[in-house]
């Protein structure tokens, strides 16, 4: 059986430190493109690892799509949307998990 092999367009998302980023209701988006380099399809799922940084209380983070299939030799763009509920620093890891056990980590950061 062939194993999927993918690459990501970035490994780090920085939502900045400007003054507007500290206000309640601040929203920002970023995008990660995942490219399937294999000759077989690759199923993926986005996992957001929260280590107590305030996810769901101080801020919200959504990934669209959060799971799906990447056709062979093609790409999918995952849109990340950050919404601030209150001023805080954010440091967390987003994991793009590929069926078969591969995991790609993208670090998300925002300073107040």
N, C-alpha and C. Protein backbone atom coordinates (compact mmCIF):
# COMPACT_ATOMS: atom_id res chain seq x y z
N UNK A 1 0.84 -1.20 0.00
CA UNK A 1 0.00 0.00 0.00
C UNK A 1 0.88 1.25 0.00
N UNK A 2 0.52 2.21 -0.82
CA UNK A 2 1.27 3.47 -0.89
C UNK A 2 0.90 4.36 0.28
N UNK A 3 1.89 5.05 0.80
CA UNK A 3 1.68 5.96 1.93
C UNK A 3 1.61 7.40 1.43
N UNK A 4 0.71 8.22 2.01
CA UNK A 4 0.66 9.62 1.62
C UNK A 4 1.89 10.38 2.11
N UNK A 5 2.30 11.37 1.36
CA UNK A 5 3.40 12.25 1.74
C UNK A 5 2.97 13.66 1.37
N UNK A 6 2.94 14.55 2.36
CA UNK A 6 2.47 15.91 2.12
C UNK A 6 3.50 16.92 2.60
N UNK A 7 3.33 18.15 2.14
CA UNK A 7 4.13 19.27 2.65
C UNK A 7 3.18 20.41 2.98
N UNK A 8 3.61 21.27 3.91
CA UNK A 8 2.79 22.42 4.29
C UNK A 8 3.49 23.71 3.86
N UNK A 9 2.70 24.72 3.55
CA UNK A 9 3.25 25.98 3.05
C UNK A 9 3.94 26.79 4.15
N UNK A 10 3.59 26.52 5.41
CA UNK A 10 4.23 27.24 6.51
C UNK A 10 4.16 26.41 7.77
N UNK A 11 5.02 26.75 8.71
CA UNK A 11 5.09 26.06 9.99
C UNK A 11 4.84 27.01 11.15
N UNK A 12 4.51 28.26 10.83
CA UNK A 12 4.37 29.29 11.86
C UNK A 12 3.34 30.32 11.41
N UNK A 13 2.37 30.63 12.25
CA UNK A 13 1.41 31.70 11.99
C UNK A 13 1.53 32.72 13.11
N UNK A 14 1.82 33.98 12.76
CA UNK A 14 1.95 35.03 13.76
C UNK A 14 0.86 36.06 13.49
N UNK A 15 -0.07 36.19 14.42
CA UNK A 15 -1.19 37.11 14.24
C UNK A 15 -0.87 38.52 14.74
N UNK A 16 0.38 38.77 15.03
CA UNK A 16 0.83 40.13 15.26
C UNK A 16 0.71 40.67 16.67
N UNK A 17 1.12 41.95 16.75
CA UNK A 17 1.19 42.61 18.04
C UNK A 17 0.68 44.04 17.97
N UNK A 18 0.01 44.42 16.90
CA UNK A 18 -0.43 45.81 16.79
C UNK A 18 -1.56 46.10 17.78
N UNK A 19 -1.86 47.39 17.98
CA UNK A 19 -2.84 47.82 18.98
C UNK A 19 -4.22 47.23 18.75
N UNK A 20 -4.66 47.15 17.49
CA UNK A 20 -5.99 46.62 17.22
C UNK A 20 -6.11 45.16 17.63
N UNK A 21 -4.99 44.47 17.67
CA UNK A 21 -5.01 43.05 18.03
C UNK A 21 -5.35 42.83 19.50
N UNK A 22 -5.30 43.89 20.31
CA UNK A 22 -5.60 43.74 21.74
C UNK A 22 -7.07 43.98 22.04
N UNK A 23 -7.84 44.45 21.07
CA UNK A 23 -9.23 44.80 21.35
C UNK A 23 -10.14 43.57 21.27
N UNK A 24 -11.17 43.60 22.10
CA UNK A 24 -12.16 42.54 22.09
C UNK A 24 -12.87 42.59 20.74
N UNK A 25 -13.06 41.44 20.14
CA UNK A 25 -13.70 41.39 18.83
C UNK A 25 -12.71 41.39 17.67
N UNK A 26 -11.42 41.57 17.96
CA UNK A 26 -10.40 41.52 16.90
C UNK A 26 -10.46 40.17 16.20
N UNK A 27 -10.42 40.19 14.87
CA UNK A 27 -10.41 38.96 14.09
C UNK A 27 -9.29 39.02 13.07
N UNK A 28 -8.67 37.89 12.84
CA UNK A 28 -7.61 37.79 11.85
C UNK A 28 -7.68 36.41 11.21
N UNK A 29 -7.20 36.33 9.98
CA UNK A 29 -7.18 35.04 9.30
C UNK A 29 -5.79 34.77 8.75
N UNK A 30 -5.49 33.51 8.60
CA UNK A 30 -4.26 33.07 7.96
C UNK A 30 -4.58 31.75 7.27
N UNK A 31 -3.70 31.35 6.39
CA UNK A 31 -3.98 30.17 5.58
C UNK A 31 -2.74 29.29 5.50
N UNK A 32 -2.96 27.99 5.55
CA UNK A 32 -1.89 27.01 5.36
C UNK A 32 -2.31 26.12 4.20
N UNK A 33 -1.45 26.00 3.20
CA UNK A 33 -1.73 25.12 2.08
C UNK A 33 -1.01 23.80 2.31
N UNK A 34 -1.76 22.71 2.18
CA UNK A 34 -1.20 21.37 2.35
C UNK A 34 -1.19 20.73 0.97
N UNK A 35 -0.01 20.31 0.52
CA UNK A 35 0.15 19.72 -0.80
C UNK A 35 0.46 18.24 -0.67
N UNK A 36 -0.30 17.44 -1.39
CA UNK A 36 -0.10 15.99 -1.41
C UNK A 36 0.88 15.68 -2.53
N UNK A 37 2.06 15.21 -2.17
CA UNK A 37 3.11 14.91 -3.13
C UNK A 37 3.08 13.46 -3.59
N UNK A 38 2.21 12.67 -3.01
CA UNK A 38 2.17 11.23 -3.30
C UNK A 38 1.24 10.93 -4.47
N UNK A 39 1.30 9.68 -4.91
CA UNK A 39 0.43 9.25 -6.01
C UNK A 39 -0.80 8.51 -5.48
N UNK A 40 -1.16 8.82 -4.23
CA UNK A 40 -2.39 8.29 -3.64
C UNK A 40 -3.05 9.42 -2.85
N UNK A 41 -4.34 9.30 -2.61
CA UNK A 41 -5.04 10.36 -1.88
C UNK A 41 -4.58 10.37 -0.42
N UNK A 42 -4.77 11.52 0.23
CA UNK A 42 -4.36 11.68 1.63
C UNK A 42 -5.53 12.28 2.41
N UNK A 43 -5.99 11.56 3.43
CA UNK A 43 -7.02 12.10 4.30
C UNK A 43 -6.34 12.88 5.41
N UNK A 44 -6.93 14.03 5.77
CA UNK A 44 -6.32 14.85 6.82
C UNK A 44 -7.39 15.29 7.82
N UNK A 45 -6.89 15.69 8.99
CA UNK A 45 -7.74 16.24 10.04
C UNK A 45 -6.92 17.28 10.79
N UNK A 46 -7.54 18.41 11.12
CA UNK A 46 -6.87 19.48 11.86
C UNK A 46 -7.19 19.32 13.34
N UNK A 47 -6.15 19.25 14.16
CA UNK A 47 -6.30 19.15 15.61
C UNK A 47 -5.68 20.40 16.23
N UNK A 48 -6.40 21.03 17.13
CA UNK A 48 -5.88 22.22 17.80
C UNK A 48 -5.52 21.82 19.22
N UNK A 49 -4.23 21.84 19.51
CA UNK A 49 -3.73 21.43 20.82
C UNK A 49 -3.72 22.63 21.75
N UNK A 50 -4.55 22.56 22.78
CA UNK A 50 -4.63 23.66 23.75
C UNK A 50 -3.94 23.23 25.04
N UNK A 51 -2.94 23.98 25.44
CA UNK A 51 -2.20 23.67 26.67
C UNK A 51 -2.60 24.61 27.80
N UNK A 52 -3.87 25.02 27.79
CA UNK A 52 -4.34 25.93 28.84
C UNK A 52 -4.16 27.38 28.47
N UNK A 53 -4.03 27.68 27.19
CA UNK A 53 -3.77 29.06 26.76
C UNK A 53 -5.01 29.93 26.72
N UNK A 54 -6.19 29.37 26.96
CA UNK A 54 -7.40 30.19 26.97
C UNK A 54 -8.32 29.96 25.78
N UNK A 55 -8.07 28.92 25.01
CA UNK A 55 -8.90 28.60 23.86
C UNK A 55 -10.34 28.37 24.32
N UNK A 56 -11.27 29.05 23.68
CA UNK A 56 -12.69 28.93 24.03
C UNK A 56 -13.14 29.92 25.09
N UNK A 57 -12.18 30.54 25.79
CA UNK A 57 -12.51 31.54 26.81
C UNK A 57 -11.97 32.90 26.38
N UNK A 58 -10.66 33.00 26.20
CA UNK A 58 -10.02 34.26 25.81
C UNK A 58 -10.05 34.47 24.30
N UNK A 59 -10.09 33.40 23.54
CA UNK A 59 -10.10 33.50 22.08
C UNK A 59 -10.71 32.24 21.48
N UNK A 60 -11.11 32.37 20.22
CA UNK A 60 -11.64 31.24 19.46
C UNK A 60 -10.75 31.06 18.24
N UNK A 61 -10.57 29.81 17.83
CA UNK A 61 -9.81 29.52 16.63
C UNK A 61 -10.58 28.47 15.83
N UNK A 62 -10.85 28.79 14.58
CA UNK A 62 -11.56 27.86 13.71
C UNK A 62 -10.69 27.53 12.50
N UNK A 63 -10.79 26.28 12.04
CA UNK A 63 -10.09 25.83 10.84
C UNK A 63 -11.12 25.32 9.84
N UNK A 64 -11.04 25.84 8.61
CA UNK A 64 -11.99 25.43 7.56
C UNK A 64 -11.20 25.11 6.30
N UNK A 65 -11.27 23.90 5.77
CA UNK A 65 -11.96 22.75 6.34
C UNK A 65 -11.14 22.15 7.48
N UNK A 66 -11.81 21.49 8.41
CA UNK A 66 -11.11 20.87 9.54
C UNK A 66 -10.75 19.42 9.26
N UNK A 67 -11.28 18.86 8.18
CA UNK A 67 -10.90 17.52 7.74
C UNK A 67 -11.31 17.35 6.29
N UNK A 68 -10.72 16.36 5.65
CA UNK A 68 -11.06 16.12 4.26
C UNK A 68 -10.05 15.21 3.60
N UNK A 69 -10.12 15.18 2.28
CA UNK A 69 -9.23 14.35 1.48
C UNK A 69 -8.54 15.23 0.45
N UNK A 70 -7.24 15.02 0.30
CA UNK A 70 -6.46 15.73 -0.71
C UNK A 70 -6.18 14.74 -1.83
N UNK A 71 -6.62 15.05 -3.01
CA UNK A 71 -6.38 14.17 -4.15
C UNK A 71 -4.89 14.07 -4.42
N UNK A 72 -4.48 13.00 -5.09
CA UNK A 72 -3.06 12.82 -5.40
C UNK A 72 -2.55 13.98 -6.24
N UNK A 73 -1.35 14.41 -5.93
CA UNK A 73 -0.66 15.49 -6.64
C UNK A 73 -1.46 16.78 -6.67
N UNK A 74 -2.21 17.08 -5.60
CA UNK A 74 -2.96 18.34 -5.54
C UNK A 74 -2.84 18.94 -4.14
N UNK A 75 -3.52 20.07 -3.93
CA UNK A 75 -3.39 20.82 -2.68
C UNK A 75 -4.75 21.20 -2.13
N UNK A 76 -4.77 21.51 -0.83
CA UNK A 76 -5.95 22.08 -0.19
C UNK A 76 -5.47 23.22 0.71
N UNK A 77 -6.23 24.30 0.74
CA UNK A 77 -5.91 25.43 1.61
C UNK A 77 -6.81 25.37 2.83
N UNK A 78 -6.19 25.47 4.00
CA UNK A 78 -6.93 25.48 5.26
C UNK A 78 -6.89 26.89 5.80
N UNK A 79 -8.06 27.48 5.99
CA UNK A 79 -8.20 28.85 6.48
C UNK A 79 -8.34 28.81 8.00
N UNK A 80 -7.51 29.57 8.70
CA UNK A 80 -7.59 29.68 10.15
C UNK A 80 -8.12 31.06 10.51
N UNK A 81 -9.15 31.10 11.36
CA UNK A 81 -9.73 32.37 11.78
C UNK A 81 -9.61 32.49 13.30
N UNK A 82 -8.97 33.57 13.73
CA UNK A 82 -8.77 33.86 15.14
C UNK A 82 -9.72 34.98 15.55
N UNK A 83 -10.46 34.78 16.63
CA UNK A 83 -11.38 35.80 17.17
C UNK A 83 -11.05 36.01 18.64
N UNK A 84 -10.74 37.25 18.99
CA UNK A 84 -10.37 37.56 20.37
C UNK A 84 -11.61 37.85 21.22
N UNK A 85 -11.69 37.23 22.38
CA UNK A 85 -12.75 37.48 23.34
C UNK A 85 -12.27 38.48 24.40
N UNK A 86 -10.96 38.43 24.69
CA UNK A 86 -10.33 39.38 25.61
C UNK A 86 -8.83 39.39 25.33
N UNK A 87 -8.14 40.46 25.68
CA UNK A 87 -6.71 40.55 25.39
C UNK A 87 -5.92 39.43 26.09
N UNK A 88 -5.07 38.78 25.34
CA UNK A 88 -4.23 37.72 25.92
C UNK A 88 -3.11 37.38 24.94
N UNK A 89 -2.10 36.71 25.47
CA UNK A 89 -1.05 36.14 24.62
C UNK A 89 -1.52 34.75 24.21
N UNK A 90 -1.15 34.36 23.00
CA UNK A 90 -1.53 33.04 22.52
C UNK A 90 -0.29 32.34 22.01
N UNK A 91 -0.14 31.12 22.42
CA UNK A 91 0.91 30.25 21.90
C UNK A 91 0.38 28.83 21.91
N UNK A 92 0.06 28.31 20.76
CA UNK A 92 -0.45 26.95 20.72
C UNK A 92 0.00 26.28 19.43
N UNK A 93 -0.23 24.99 19.37
CA UNK A 93 0.19 24.20 18.22
C UNK A 93 -1.04 23.65 17.52
N UNK A 94 -1.09 23.85 16.21
CA UNK A 94 -2.11 23.25 15.37
C UNK A 94 -1.46 22.05 14.70
N UNK A 95 -2.12 20.90 14.76
CA UNK A 95 -1.59 19.68 14.18
C UNK A 95 -2.43 19.31 12.96
N UNK A 96 -1.78 19.11 11.84
CA UNK A 96 -2.45 18.60 10.66
C UNK A 96 -2.07 17.12 10.59
N UNK A 97 -3.03 16.29 10.92
CA UNK A 97 -2.79 14.85 11.01
C UNK A 97 -3.20 14.19 9.70
N UNK A 98 -2.29 13.40 9.15
CA UNK A 98 -2.53 12.69 7.90
C UNK A 98 -2.80 11.23 8.24
N UNK A 99 -3.81 10.65 7.61
CA UNK A 99 -4.13 9.25 7.85
C UNK A 99 -2.89 8.40 7.60
N UNK A 100 -2.62 7.50 8.51
CA UNK A 100 -1.43 6.68 8.41
C UNK A 100 -0.38 7.08 9.45
N UNK A 101 -0.66 8.16 10.22
CA UNK A 101 0.20 8.51 11.33
C UNK A 101 1.06 9.74 11.17
N UNK A 102 1.18 10.30 9.97
CA UNK A 102 2.01 11.49 9.81
C UNK A 102 1.33 12.69 10.47
N UNK A 103 2.14 13.54 11.12
CA UNK A 103 1.63 14.76 11.75
C UNK A 103 2.54 15.92 11.40
N UNK A 104 1.91 17.03 11.04
CA UNK A 104 2.64 18.26 10.73
C UNK A 104 2.19 19.32 11.71
N UNK A 105 3.15 19.99 12.35
CA UNK A 105 2.86 20.98 13.38
C UNK A 105 3.00 22.39 12.83
N UNK A 106 2.01 23.22 13.16
CA UNK A 106 2.06 24.64 12.82
C UNK A 106 1.88 25.41 14.13
N UNK A 107 2.84 26.25 14.48
CA UNK A 107 2.80 27.02 15.70
C UNK A 107 2.03 28.31 15.44
N UNK A 108 1.09 28.62 16.31
CA UNK A 108 0.32 29.85 16.21
C UNK A 108 0.72 30.76 17.37
N UNK A 109 0.95 32.03 17.06
CA UNK A 109 1.41 32.97 18.08
C UNK A 109 0.72 34.31 17.92
N UNK A 110 0.37 34.92 19.03
CA UNK A 110 -0.12 36.30 19.06
C UNK A 110 0.26 36.90 20.39
N UNK A 111 0.92 38.02 20.36
CA UNK A 111 1.33 38.71 21.58
C UNK A 111 0.45 39.92 21.83
N UNK A 112 0.24 40.24 23.10
CA UNK A 112 -0.49 41.45 23.48
C UNK A 112 0.54 42.43 24.00
